[in-house]
Amino acid sequence: MVIPQLSRADITLSDDDAASIVVKLEHGSICNSQIENLEKQVELLEKQVELMTKVNELQKEQIELSKQTIEQMKEISKQKDISCEQRVKDAKPSFWSQVTQFGIFTAIGLAIGILL
């Protein structure tokens, strides 16, 4: 297949056609520039997604640690409550010791009353 070569003299364009071609070439150049900018933006957004994913994972770990801390604090609080209840129970005299004490005082009072 033979392709005929044309010289510049063989091609003639009107001013409107030439202007249209120039505008389309400039438009194509602008589109290519926009495509490059959009590709860079996509790369940046992908990096942001990666970083946000890592942040999300770290926050999940932090939540788990916080839950564990809360459970430990609940257990400590429970142990403190048990200890306080035991101290109150130990400090309060028992029923029988009170009965015995009142019985002794009553007996002493009766003895003094009989003697007088």
PDB file of N, CA and C in Angstrom:
ATOM      1  N   MET A   1       0.840  -1.160   0.000  1.00  0.00           N
ATOM      2  CA  MET A   1       0.000   0.000   0.000  1.00  0.00           C
ATOM      3  C   MET A   1       0.895   1.236   0.000  1.00  0.00           C
ATOM      4  N   VAL A   2       0.591   2.109  -0.868  1.00  0.00           N
ATOM      5  CA  VAL A   2       1.380   3.322  -1.038  1.00  0.00           C
ATOM      6  C   VAL A   2       0.581   4.487  -0.480  1.00  0.00           C
ATOM      7  N   ILE A   3       1.245   5.237   0.384  1.00  0.00           N
ATOM      8  CA  ILE A   3       0.589   6.406   0.964  1.00  0.00           C
ATOM      9  C   ILE A   3       1.150   7.634   0.237  1.00  0.00           C
ATOM     10  N   PRO A   4       0.275   8.373  -0.383  1.00  0.00           N
ATOM     11  CA  PRO A   4       0.790   9.551  -1.092  1.00  0.00           C
ATOM     12  C   PRO A   4       1.182  10.624  -0.089  1.00  0.00           C
ATOM     13  N   GLN A   5       2.262  11.275  -0.336  1.00  0.00           N
ATOM     14  CA  GLN A   5       2.696  12.358   0.531  1.00  0.00           C
ATOM     15  C   GLN A   5       2.156  13.665  -0.007  1.00  0.00           C
ATOM     16  N   LEU A   6       1.676  14.443   0.888  1.00  0.00           N
ATOM     17  CA  LEU A   6       1.113  15.717   0.499  1.00  0.00           C
ATOM     18  C   LEU A   6       2.046  16.821   0.965  1.00  0.00           C
ATOM     19  N   SER A   7       2.183  17.782   0.208  1.00  0.00           N
ATOM     20  CA  SER A   7       2.990  18.921   0.627  1.00  0.00           C
ATOM     21  C   SER A   7       2.068  19.944   1.265  1.00  0.00           C
ATOM     22  N   ARG A   8       2.628  20.898   1.920  1.00  0.00           N
ATOM     23  CA  ARG A   8       1.832  21.905   2.587  1.00  0.00           C
ATOM     24  C   ARG A   8       0.978  22.683   1.593  1.00  0.00           C
ATOM     25  N   ALA A   9       1.410  22.755   0.448  1.00  0.00           N
ATOM     26  CA  ALA A   9       0.664  23.521  -0.550  1.00  0.00           C
ATOM     27  C   ALA A   9      -0.614  22.809  -0.945  1.00  0.00           C
ATOM     28  N   ASP A  10      -0.652  21.455  -0.726  1.00  0.00           N
ATOM     29  CA  ASP A  10      -1.826  20.694  -1.119  1.00  0.00           C
ATOM     30  C   ASP A  10      -2.982  20.864  -0.133  1.00  0.00           C
ATOM     31  N   ILE A  11      -2.683  21.272   1.141  1.00  0.00           N
ATOM     32  CA  ILE A  11      -3.725  21.382   2.151  1.00  0.00           C
ATOM     33  C   ILE A  11      -4.096  22.856   2.307  1.00  0.00           C
ATOM     34  N   THR A  12      -5.348  23.097   2.175  1.00  0.00           N
ATOM     35  CA  THR A  12      -5.826  24.458   2.395  1.00  0.00           C
ATOM     36  C   THR A  12      -6.977  24.407   3.385  1.00  0.00           C
ATOM     37  N   LEU A  13      -6.931  25.298   4.364  1.00  0.00           N
ATOM     38  CA  LEU A  13      -7.967  25.363   5.391  1.00  0.00           C
ATOM     39  C   LEU A  13      -8.505  26.787   5.452  1.00  0.00           C
ATOM     40  N   SER A  14      -9.760  26.838   5.775  1.00  0.00           N
ATOM     41  CA  SER A  14     -10.338  28.171   5.968  1.00  0.00           C
ATOM     42  C   SER A  14      -9.914  28.679   7.336  1.00  0.00           C
ATOM     43  N   ASP A  15     -10.056  29.962   7.559  1.00  0.00           N
ATOM     44  CA  ASP A  15      -9.684  30.549   8.847  1.00  0.00           C
ATOM     45  C   ASP A  15     -10.530  29.962   9.974  1.00  0.00           C
ATOM     46  N   ASP A  16     -11.790  29.714   9.745  1.00  0.00           N
ATOM     47  CA  ASP A  16     -12.671  29.131  10.757  1.00  0.00           C
ATOM     48  C   ASP A  16     -12.229  27.724  11.121  1.00  0.00           C
ATOM     49  N   ASP A  17     -11.861  26.928  10.088  1.00  0.00           N
ATOM     50  CA  ASP A  17     -11.403  25.557  10.356  1.00  0.00           C
ATOM     51  C   ASP A  17     -10.080  25.576  11.130  1.00  0.00           C
ATOM     52  N   ALA A  18      -9.192  26.453  10.735  1.00  0.00           N
ATOM     53  CA  ALA A  18      -7.895  26.551  11.420  1.00  0.00           C
ATOM     54  C   ALA A  18      -8.112  26.970  12.868  1.00  0.00           C
ATOM     55  N   ALA A  19      -8.984  27.930  13.122  1.00  0.00           N
ATOM     56  CA  ALA A  19      -9.275  28.382  14.479  1.00  0.00           C
ATOM     57  C   ALA A  19      -9.904  27.255  15.287  1.00  0.00           C
ATOM     58  N   SER A  20     -10.788  26.503  14.670  1.00  0.00           N
ATOM     59  CA  SER A  20     -11.439  25.389  15.342  1.00  0.00           C
ATOM     60  C   SER A  20     -10.420  24.332  15.736  1.00  0.00           C
ATOM     61  N   ILE A  21      -9.463  24.046  14.852  1.00  0.00           N
ATOM     62  CA  ILE A  21      -8.423  23.050  15.139  1.00  0.00           C
ATOM     63  C   ILE A  21      -7.553  23.528  16.301  1.00  0.00           C
ATOM     64  N   VAL A  22      -7.184  24.797  16.283  1.00  0.00           N
ATOM     65  CA  VAL A  22      -6.350  25.343  17.359  1.00  0.00           C
ATOM     66  C   VAL A  22      -7.091  25.267  18.690  1.00  0.00           C
ATOM     67  N   VAL A  23      -8.366  25.620  18.700  1.00  0.00           N
ATOM     68  CA  VAL A  23      -9.162  25.564  19.929  1.00  0.00           C
ATOM     69  C   VAL A  23      -9.256  24.137  20.439  1.00  0.00           C
ATOM     70  N   LYS A  24      -9.464  23.195  19.537  1.00  0.00           N
ATOM     71  CA  LYS A  24      -9.574  21.788  19.941  1.00  0.00           C
ATOM     72  C   LYS A  24      -8.245  21.265  20.477  1.00  0.00           C
ATOM     73  N   LEU A  25      -7.139  21.677  19.875  1.00  0.00           N
ATOM     74  CA  LEU A  25      -5.829  21.259  20.378  1.00  0.00           C
ATOM     75  C   LEU A  25      -5.573  21.834  21.775  1.00  0.00           C
ATOM     76  N   GLU A  26      -5.914  23.096  21.958  1.00  0.00           N
ATOM     77  CA  GLU A  26      -5.751  23.708  23.271  1.00  0.00           C
ATOM     78  C   GLU A  26      -6.668  23.035  24.300  1.00  0.00           C
ATOM     79  N   HIS A  27      -7.882  22.729  23.885  1.00  0.00           N
ATOM     80  CA  HIS A  27      -8.829  22.042  24.761  1.00  0.00           C
ATOM     81  C   HIS A  27      -8.275  20.668  25.144  1.00  0.00           C
ATOM     82  N   GLY A  28      -7.693  19.970  24.175  1.00  0.00           N
ATOM     83  CA  GLY A  28      -7.086  18.659  24.448  1.00  0.00           C
ATOM     84  C   GLY A  28      -5.933  18.781  25.422  1.00  0.00           C
ATOM     85  N   SER A  29      -5.125  19.824  25.278  1.00  0.00           N
ATOM     86  CA  SER A  29      -4.007  20.055  26.193  1.00  0.00           C
ATOM     87  C   SER A  29      -4.510  20.331  27.606  1.00  0.00           C
ATOM     88  N   ILE A  30      -5.560  21.132  27.701  1.00  0.00           N
ATOM     89  CA  ILE A  30      -6.151  21.435  29.008  1.00  0.00           C
ATOM     90  C   ILE A  30      -6.721  20.165  29.633  1.00  0.00           C
ATOM     91  N   CYS A  31      -7.382  19.342  28.837  1.00  0.00           N
ATOM     92  CA  CYS A  31      -7.951  18.079  29.347  1.00  0.00           C
ATOM     93  C   CYS A  31      -6.847  17.160  29.864  1.00  0.00           C
ATOM     94  N   ASN A  32      -5.739  17.085  29.126  1.00  0.00           N
ATOM     95  CA  ASN A  32      -4.618  16.251  29.571  1.00  0.00           C
ATOM     96  C   ASN A  32      -4.060  16.758  30.896  1.00  0.00           C
ATOM     97  N   SER A  33      -3.959  18.075  31.025  1.00  0.00           N
ATOM     98  CA  SER A  33      -3.487  18.670  32.272  1.00  0.00           C
ATOM     99  C   SER A  33      -4.449  18.343  33.420  1.00  0.00           C
ATOM    100  N   GLN A  34      -5.738  18.427  33.163  1.00  0.00           N
ATOM    101  CA  GLN A  34      -6.730  18.098  34.178  1.00  0.00           C
ATOM    102  C   GLN A  34      -6.654  16.633  34.572  1.00  0.00           C
ATOM    103  N   ILE A  35      -6.438  15.775  33.592  1.00  0.00           N
ATOM    104  CA  ILE A  35      -6.311  14.337  33.877  1.00  0.00           C
ATOM    105  C   ILE A  35      -5.123  14.097  34.803  1.00  0.00           C
ATOM    106  N   GLU A  36      -3.993  14.746  34.534  1.00  0.00           N
ATOM    107  CA  GLU A  36      -2.813  14.587  35.391  1.00  0.00           C
ATOM    108  C   GLU A  36      -3.115  15.068  36.812  1.00  0.00           C
ATOM    109  N   ASN A  37      -3.782  16.218  36.923  1.00  0.00           N
ATOM    110  CA  ASN A  37      -4.137  16.733  38.249  1.00  0.00           C
ATOM    111  C   ASN A  37      -5.086  15.785  38.970  1.00  0.00           C
ATOM    112  N   LEU A  38      -6.055  15.251  38.256  1.00  0.00           N
ATOM    113  CA  LEU A  38      -7.005  14.318  38.875  1.00  0.00           C
ATOM    114  C   LEU A  38      -6.314  13.036  39.322  1.00  0.00           C
ATOM    115  N   GLU A  39      -5.350  12.564  38.535  1.00  0.00           N
ATOM    116  CA  GLU A  39      -4.608  11.362  38.916  1.00  0.00           C
ATOM    117  C   GLU A  39      -3.815  11.615  40.196  1.00  0.00           C
ATOM    118  N   LYS A  40      -3.225  12.816  40.309  1.00  0.00           N
ATOM    119  CA  LYS A  40      -2.494  13.159  41.529  1.00  0.00           C
ATOM    120  C   LYS A  40      -3.452  13.230  42.713  1.00  0.00           C
ATOM    121  N   GLN A  41      -4.632  13.791  42.497  1.00  0.00           N
ATOM    122  CA  GLN A  41      -5.626  13.872  43.568  1.00  0.00           C
ATOM    123  C   GLN A  41      -6.074  12.483  44.006  1.00  0.00           C
ATOM    124  N   VAL A  42      -6.224  11.576  43.047  1.00  0.00           N
ATOM    125  CA  VAL A  42      -6.618  10.205  43.366  1.00  0.00           C
ATOM    126  C   VAL A  42      -5.538   9.550  44.225  1.00  0.00           C
ATOM    127  N   GLU A  43      -4.269   9.764  43.865  1.00  0.00           N
ATOM    128  CA  GLU A  43      -3.175   9.204  44.666  1.00  0.00           C
ATOM    129  C   GLU A  43      -3.223   9.746  46.095  1.00  0.00           C
ATOM    130  N   LEU A  44      -3.435  11.052  46.220  1.00  0.00           N
ATOM    131  CA  LEU A  44      -3.510  11.654  47.556  1.00  0.00           C
ATOM    132  C   LEU A  44      -4.686  11.093  48.346  1.00  0.00           C
ATOM    133  N   LEU A  45      -5.820  10.934  47.692  1.00  0.00           N
ATOM    134  CA  LEU A  45      -6.993  10.392  48.372  1.00  0.00           C
ATOM    135  C   LEU A  45      -6.762   8.943  48.799  1.00  0.00           C
ATOM    136  N   GLU A  46      -6.073   8.177  47.966  1.00  0.00           N
ATOM    137  CA  GLU A  46      -5.764   6.790  48.333  1.00  0.00           C
ATOM    138  C   GLU A  46      -4.860   6.754  49.564  1.00  0.00           C
ATOM    139  N   LYS A  47      -3.885   7.682  49.623  1.00  0.00           N
ATOM    140  CA  LYS A  47      -3.013   7.758  50.798  1.00  0.00           C
ATOM    141  C   LYS A  47      -3.827   8.152  52.027  1.00  0.00           C
ATOM    142  N   GLN A  48      -4.768   9.086  51.846  1.00  0.00           N
ATOM    143  CA  GLN A  48      -5.621   9.482  52.967  1.00  0.00           C
ATOM    144  C   GLN A  48      -6.463   8.306  53.455  1.00  0.00           C
ATOM    145  N   VAL A  49      -6.961   7.508  52.528  1.00  0.00           N
ATOM    146  CA  VAL A  49      -7.752   6.334  52.904  1.00  0.00           C
ATOM    147  C   VAL A  49      -6.886   5.375  53.712  1.00  0.00           C
ATOM    148  N   GLU A  50      -5.642   5.164  53.279  1.00  0.00           N
ATOM    149  CA  GLU A  50      -4.727   4.291  54.013  1.00  0.00           C
ATOM    150  C   GLU A  50      -4.512   4.806  55.428  1.00  0.00           C
ATOM    151  N   LEU A  51      -4.247   6.115  55.534  1.00  0.00           N
ATOM    152  CA  LEU A  51      -4.011   6.705  56.842  1.00  0.00           C
ATOM    153  C   LEU A  51      -5.251   6.617  57.724  1.00  0.00           C
ATOM    154  N   MET A  52      -6.413   6.871  57.144  1.00  0.00           N
ATOM    155  CA  MET A  52      -7.648   6.797  57.921  1.00  0.00           C
ATOM    156  C   MET A  52      -7.907   5.360  58.381  1.00  0.00           C
ATOM    157  N   THR A  53      -7.562   4.402  57.559  1.00  0.00           N
ATOM    158  CA  THR A  53      -7.720   2.996  57.937  1.00  0.00           C
ATOM    159  C   THR A  53      -6.817   2.685  59.131  1.00  0.00           C
ATOM    160  N   LYS A  54      -5.575   3.179  59.092  1.00  0.00           N
ATOM    161  CA  LYS A  54      -4.654   2.954  60.208  1.00  0.00           C
ATOM    162  C   LYS A  54      -5.170   3.645  61.472  1.00  0.00           C
ATOM    163  N   VAL A  55      -5.669   4.866  61.319  1.00  0.00           N
ATOM    164  CA  VAL A  55      -6.219   5.596  62.462  1.00  0.00           C
ATOM    165  C   VAL A  55      -7.394   4.820  63.042  1.00  0.00           C
ATOM    166  N   ASN A  56      -8.238   4.292  62.177  1.00  0.00           N
ATOM    167  CA  ASN A  56      -9.399   3.510  62.615  1.00  0.00           C
ATOM    168  C   ASN A  56      -8.956   2.285  63.404  1.00  0.00           C
ATOM    169  N   GLU A  57      -7.932   1.603  62.913  1.00  0.00           N
ATOM    170  CA  GLU A  57      -7.427   0.421  63.622  1.00  0.00           C
ATOM    171  C   GLU A  57      -6.879   0.806  64.990  1.00  0.00           C
ATOM    172  N   LEU A  58      -6.132   1.923  65.033  1.00  0.00           N
ATOM    173  CA  LEU A  58      -5.591   2.373  66.308  1.00  0.00           C
ATOM    174  C   LEU A  58      -6.705   2.756  67.282  1.00  0.00           C
ATOM    175  N   GLN A  59      -7.741   3.371  66.771  1.00  0.00           N
ATOM    176  CA  GLN A  59      -8.859   3.742  67.633  1.00  0.00           C
ATOM    177  C   GLN A  59      -9.585   2.509  68.151  1.00  0.00           C
ATOM    178  N   LYS A  60      -9.706   1.486  67.315  1.00  0.00           N
ATOM    179  CA  LYS A  60     -10.320   0.236  67.785  1.00  0.00           C
ATOM    180  C   LYS A  60      -9.490  -0.376  68.903  1.00  0.00           C
ATOM    181  N   GLU A  61      -8.155  -0.360  68.737  1.00  0.00           N
ATOM    182  CA  GLU A  61      -7.284  -0.883  69.787  1.00  0.00           C
ATOM    183  C   GLU A  61      -7.438  -0.066  71.065  1.00  0.00           C
ATOM    184  N   GLN A  62      -7.541   1.248  70.902  1.00  0.00           N
ATOM    185  CA  GLN A  62      -7.705   2.121  72.061  1.00  0.00           C
ATOM    186  C   GLN A  62      -9.031   1.834  72.769  1.00  0.00           C
ATOM    187  N   ILE A  63     -10.069   1.577  72.015  1.00  0.00           N
ATOM    188  CA  ILE A  63     -11.370   1.250  72.599  1.00  0.00           C
ATOM    189  C   ILE A  63     -11.262  -0.051  73.395  1.00  0.00           C
ATOM    190  N   GLU A  64     -10.584  -1.036  72.840  1.00  0.00           N
ATOM    191  CA  GLU A  64     -10.420  -2.312  73.545  1.00  0.00           C
ATOM    192  C   GLU A  64      -9.646  -2.115  74.848  1.00  0.00           C
ATOM    193  N   LEU A  65      -8.585  -1.301  74.783  1.00  0.00           N
ATOM    194  CA  LEU A  65      -7.821  -1.035  75.996  1.00  0.00           C
ATOM    195  C   LEU A  65      -8.678  -0.300  77.026  1.00  0.00           C
ATOM    196  N   SER A  66      -9.490   0.619  76.558  1.00  0.00           N
ATOM    197  CA  SER A  66     -10.380   1.353  77.467  1.00  0.00           C
ATOM    198  C   SER A  66     -11.388   0.413  78.108  1.00  0.00           C
ATOM    199  N   LYS A  67     -11.928  -0.520  77.324  1.00  0.00           N
ATOM    200  CA  LYS A  67     -12.872  -1.498  77.878  1.00  0.00           C
ATOM    201  C   LYS A  67     -12.194  -2.342  78.952  1.00  0.00           C
ATOM    202  N   GLN A  68     -10.963  -2.757  78.677  1.00  0.00           N
ATOM    203  CA  GLN A  68     -10.231  -3.552  79.670  1.00  0.00           C
ATOM    204  C   GLN A  68      -9.984  -2.744  80.933  1.00  0.00           C
ATOM    205  N   THR A  69      -9.629  -1.479  80.759  1.00  0.00           N
ATOM    206  CA  THR A  69      -9.392  -0.610  81.918  1.00  0.00           C
ATOM    207  C   THR A  69     -10.664  -0.443  82.731  1.00  0.00           C
ATOM    208  N   ILE A  70     -11.780  -0.268  82.053  1.00  0.00           N
ATOM    209  CA  ILE A  70     -13.065  -0.126  82.748  1.00  0.00           C
ATOM    210  C   ILE A  70     -13.372  -1.387  83.546  1.00  0.00           C
ATOM    211  N   GLU A  71     -13.159  -2.542  82.945  1.00  0.00           N
ATOM    212  CA  GLU A  71     -13.414  -3.806  83.650  1.00  0.00           C
ATOM    213  C   GLU A  71     -12.507  -3.939  84.870  1.00  0.00           C
ATOM    214  N   GLN A  72     -11.242  -3.540  84.709  1.00  0.00           N
ATOM    215  CA  GLN A  72     -10.324  -3.599  85.849  1.00  0.00           C
ATOM    216  C   GLN A  72     -10.763  -2.645  86.948  1.00  0.00           C
ATOM    217  N   MET A  73     -11.206  -1.461  86.568  1.00  0.00           N
ATOM    218  CA  MET A  73     -11.675  -0.487  87.554  1.00  0.00           C
ATOM    219  C   MET A  73     -12.936  -0.994  88.266  1.00  0.00           C
ATOM    220  N   LYS A  74     -13.825  -1.657  87.538  1.00  0.00           N
ATOM    221  CA  LYS A  74     -15.014  -2.236  88.163  1.00  0.00           C
ATOM    222  C   LYS A  74     -14.610  -3.284  89.194  1.00  0.00           C
ATOM    223  N   GLU A  75     -13.634  -4.107  88.843  1.00  0.00           N
ATOM    224  CA  GLU A  75     -13.183  -5.157  89.759  1.00  0.00           C
ATOM    225  C   GLU A  75     -12.541  -4.537  91.003  1.00  0.00           C
ATOM    226  N   ILE A  76     -11.742  -3.502  90.800  1.00  0.00           N
ATOM    227  CA  ILE A  76     -11.116  -2.817  91.940  1.00  0.00           C
ATOM    228  C   ILE A  76     -12.188  -2.206  92.829  1.00  0.00           C
ATOM    229  N   SER A  77     -13.179  -1.576  92.223  1.00  0.00           N
ATOM    230  CA  SER A  77     -14.273  -0.975  92.980  1.00  0.00           C
ATOM    231  C   SER A  77     -15.039  -2.038  93.764  1.00  0.00           C
ATOM    232  N   LYS A  78     -15.269  -3.155  93.145  1.00  0.00           N
ATOM    233  CA  LYS A  78     -15.978  -4.260  93.813  1.00  0.00           C
ATOM    234  C   LYS A  78     -15.173  -4.742  95.021  1.00  0.00           C
ATOM    235  N   GLN A  79     -13.858  -4.887  94.855  1.00  0.00           N
ATOM    236  CA  GLN A  79     -13.004  -5.323  95.961  1.00  0.00           C
ATOM    237  C   GLN A  79     -12.995  -4.290  97.081  1.00  0.00           C
ATOM    238  N   LYS A  80     -12.994  -3.003  96.725  1.00  0.00           N
ATOM    239  CA  LYS A  80     -13.042  -1.946  97.747  1.00  0.00           C
ATOM    240  C   LYS A  80     -14.365  -2.003  98.511  1.00  0.00           C
ATOM    241  N   ASP A  81     -15.460  -2.210  97.785  1.00  0.00           N
ATOM    242  CA  ASP A  81     -16.772  -2.315  98.444  1.00  0.00           C
ATOM    243  C   ASP A  81     -16.793  -3.479  99.425  1.00  0.00           C
ATOM    244  N   ILE A  82     -16.262  -4.610  99.004  1.00  0.00           N
ATOM    245  CA  ILE A  82     -16.219  -5.795  99.881  1.00  0.00           C
ATOM    246  C   ILE A  82     -15.382  -5.486 101.117  1.00  0.00           C
ATOM    247  N   SER A  83     -14.241  -4.824 100.914  1.00  0.00           N
ATOM    248  CA  SER A  83     -13.361  -4.485 102.031  1.00  0.00           C
ATOM    249  C   SER A  83     -14.050  -3.519 102.998  1.00  0.00           C
ATOM    250  N   CYS A  84     -14.740  -2.514 102.470  1.00  0.00           N
ATOM    251  CA  CYS A  84     -15.445  -1.549 103.326  1.00  0.00           C
ATOM    252  C   CYS A  84     -16.573  -2.222 104.104  1.00  0.00           C
ATOM    253  N   GLU A  85     -17.309  -3.088 103.439  1.00  0.00           N
ATOM    254  CA  GLU A  85     -18.387  -3.810 104.125  1.00  0.00           C
ATOM    255  C   GLU A  85     -17.825  -4.670 105.245  1.00  0.00           C
ATOM    256  N   GLN A  86     -16.693  -5.287 105.007  1.00  0.00           N
ATOM    257  CA  GLN A  86     -16.071  -6.127 106.030  1.00  0.00           C
ATOM    258  C   GLN A  86     -15.605  -5.276 107.208  1.00  0.00           C
ATOM    259  N   ARG A  87     -15.042  -4.106 106.936  1.00  0.00           N
ATOM    260  CA  ARG A  87     -14.597  -3.213 108.010  1.00  0.00           C
ATOM    261  C   ARG A  87     -15.785  -2.746 108.853  1.00  0.00           C
ATOM    262  N   VAL A  88     -16.880  -2.390 108.182  1.00  0.00           N
ATOM    263  CA  VAL A  88     -18.082  -1.965 108.912  1.00  0.00           C
ATOM    264  C   VAL A  88     -18.597  -3.112 109.760  1.00  0.00           C
ATOM    265  N   LYS A  89     -18.621  -4.298 109.169  1.00  0.00           N
ATOM    266  CA  LYS A  89     -19.112  -5.475 109.893  1.00  0.00           C
ATOM    267  C   LYS A  89     -18.217  -5.783 111.095  1.00  0.00           C
ATOM    268  N   ASP A  90     -16.899  -5.653 110.909  1.00  0.00           N
ATOM    269  CA  ASP A  90     -15.972  -5.917 112.008  1.00  0.00           C
ATOM    270  C   ASP A  90     -16.066  -4.846 113.091  1.00  0.00           C
ATOM    271  N   ALA A  91     -16.349  -3.616 112.729  1.00  0.00           N
ATOM    272  CA  ALA A  91     -16.409  -2.517 113.700  1.00  0.00           C
ATOM    273  C   ALA A  91     -17.709  -2.548 114.495  1.00  0.00           C
ATOM    274  N   LYS A  92     -18.774  -3.064 113.916  1.00  0.00           N
ATOM    275  CA  LYS A  92     -20.079  -3.107 114.581  1.00  0.00           C
ATOM    276  C   LYS A  92     -20.117  -4.306 115.521  1.00  0.00           C
ATOM    277  N   PRO A  93     -20.526  -4.099 116.786  1.00  0.00           N
ATOM    278  CA  PRO A  93     -20.603  -5.243 117.705  1.00  0.00           C
ATOM    279  C   PRO A  93     -21.725  -6.198 117.272  1.00  0.00           C
ATOM    280  N   SER A  94     -21.517  -7.460 117.521  1.00  0.00           N
ATOM    281  CA  SER A  94     -22.508  -8.453 117.127  1.00  0.00           C
ATOM    282  C   SER A  94     -23.715  -8.409 118.068  1.00  0.00           C
ATOM    283  N   PHE A  95     -24.770  -9.038 117.659  1.00  0.00           N
ATOM    284  CA  PHE A  95     -26.010  -9.056 118.442  1.00  0.00           C
ATOM    285  C   PHE A  95     -25.771  -9.673 119.815  1.00  0.00           C
ATOM    286  N   TRP A  96     -25.078 -10.817 119.850  1.00  0.00           N
ATOM    287  CA  TRP A  96     -24.882 -11.523 121.117  1.00  0.00           C
ATOM    288  C   TRP A  96     -23.945 -10.763 122.046  1.00  0.00           C
ATOM    289  N   SER A  97     -22.980 -10.084 121.490  1.00  0.00           N
ATOM    290  CA  SER A  97     -22.095  -9.305 122.370  1.00  0.00           C
ATOM    291  C   SER A  97     -22.852  -8.138 122.978  1.00  0.00           C
ATOM    292  N   GLN A  98     -23.773  -7.556 122.233  1.00  0.00           N
ATOM    293  CA  GLN A  98     -24.590  -6.474 122.779  1.00  0.00           C
ATOM    294  C   GLN A  98     -25.532  -6.998 123.866  1.00  0.00           C
ATOM    295  N   VAL A  99     -26.143  -8.152 123.612  1.00  0.00           N
ATOM    296  CA  VAL A  99     -27.046  -8.747 124.605  1.00  0.00           C
ATOM    297  C   VAL A  99     -26.275  -9.046 125.880  1.00  0.00           C
ATOM    298  N   THR A 100     -25.079  -9.604 125.732  1.00  0.00           N
ATOM    299  CA  THR A 100     -24.257  -9.932 126.897  1.00  0.00           C
ATOM    300  C   THR A 100     -23.881  -8.668 127.654  1.00  0.00           C
ATOM    301  N   GLN A 101     -23.474  -7.650 126.916  1.00  0.00           N
ATOM    302  CA  GLN A 101     -23.072  -6.399 127.547  1.00  0.00           C
ATOM    303  C   GLN A 101     -24.249  -5.765 128.292  1.00  0.00           C
ATOM    304  N   PHE A 102     -25.417  -5.717 127.653  1.00  0.00           N
ATOM    305  CA  PHE A 102     -26.586  -5.149 128.320  1.00  0.00           C
ATOM    306  C   PHE A 102     -27.018  -6.009 129.510  1.00  0.00           C
ATOM    307  N   GLY A 103     -26.871  -7.310 129.388  1.00  0.00           N
ATOM    308  CA  GLY A 103     -27.215  -8.220 130.484  1.00  0.00           C
ATOM    309  C   GLY A 103     -26.325  -7.975 131.686  1.00  0.00           C
ATOM    310  N   ILE A 104     -25.038  -7.770 131.443  1.00  0.00           N
ATOM    311  CA  ILE A 104     -24.105  -7.517 132.543  1.00  0.00           C
ATOM    312  C   ILE A 104     -24.457  -6.201 133.226  1.00  0.00           C
ATOM    313  N   PHE A 105     -24.706  -5.163 132.432  1.00  0.00           N
ATOM    314  CA  PHE A 105     -25.058  -3.863 133.021  1.00  0.00           C
ATOM    315  C   PHE A 105     -26.382  -3.943 133.792  1.00  0.00           C
ATOM    316  N   THR A 106     -27.307  -4.716 133.268  1.00  0.00           N
ATOM    317  CA  THR A 106     -28.595  -4.887 133.959  1.00  0.00           C
ATOM    318  C   THR A 106     -28.379  -5.613 135.281  1.00  0.00           C
ATOM    319  N   ALA A 107     -27.554  -6.644 135.265  1.00  0.00           N
ATOM    320  CA  ALA A 107     -27.269  -7.411 136.486  1.00  0.00           C
ATOM    321  C   ALA A 107     -26.576  -6.535 137.511  1.00  0.00           C
ATOM    322  N   ILE A 108     -25.641  -5.716 137.066  1.00  0.00           N
ATOM    323  CA  ILE A 108     -24.941  -4.812 137.998  1.00  0.00           C
ATOM    324  C   ILE A 108     -25.927  -3.798 138.570  1.00  0.00           C
ATOM    325  N   GLY A 109     -26.789  -3.282 137.701  1.00  0.00           N
ATOM    326  CA  GLY A 109     -27.800  -2.314 138.156  1.00  0.00           C
ATOM    327  C   GLY A 109     -28.744  -2.937 139.164  1.00  0.00           C
ATOM    328  N   LEU A 110     -29.184  -4.189 138.946  1.00  0.00           N
ATOM    329  CA  LEU A 110     -30.053  -4.882 139.885  1.00  0.00           C
ATOM    330  C   LEU A 110     -29.356  -5.138 141.211  1.00  0.00           C
ATOM    331  N   ALA A 111     -28.084  -5.511 141.106  1.00  0.00           N
ATOM    332  CA  ALA A 111     -27.317  -5.767 142.329  1.00  0.00           C
ATOM    333  C   ALA A 111     -27.172  -4.514 143.154  1.00  0.00           C
ATOM    334  N   ILE A 112     -26.903  -3.407 142.496  1.00  0.00           N
ATOM    335  CA  ILE A 112     -26.783  -2.127 143.220  1.00  0.00           C
ATOM    336  C   ILE A 112     -28.142  -1.740 143.786  1.00  0.00           C
ATOM    337  N   GLY A 113     -29.199  -1.976 143.028  1.00  0.00           N
ATOM    338  CA  GLY A 113     -30.542  -1.649 143.492  1.00  0.00           C
ATOM    339  C   GLY A 113     -30.937  -2.490 144.712  1.00  0.00           C
ATOM    340  N   ILE A 114     -30.551  -3.734 144.726  1.00  0.00           N
ATOM    341  CA  ILE A 114     -30.882  -4.617 145.857  1.00  0.00           C
ATOM    342  C   ILE A 114     -30.084  -4.207 147.078  1.00  0.00           C
ATOM    343  N   LEU A 115     -28.868  -3.829 146.899  1.00  0.00           N
ATOM    344  CA  LEU A 115     -28.002  -3.423 148.006  1.00  0.00           C
ATOM    345  C   LEU A 115     -28.462  -2.099 148.615  1.00  0.00           C
ATOM    346  N   LEU A 116     -29.066  -1.296 147.894  1.00  0.00           N
ATOM    347  CA  LEU A 116     -29.494   0.000 148.427  1.00  0.00           C
ATOM    348  C   LEU A 116     -30.836  -0.159 149.008  1.00  0.00           C
TER     349      LEU A 116
END
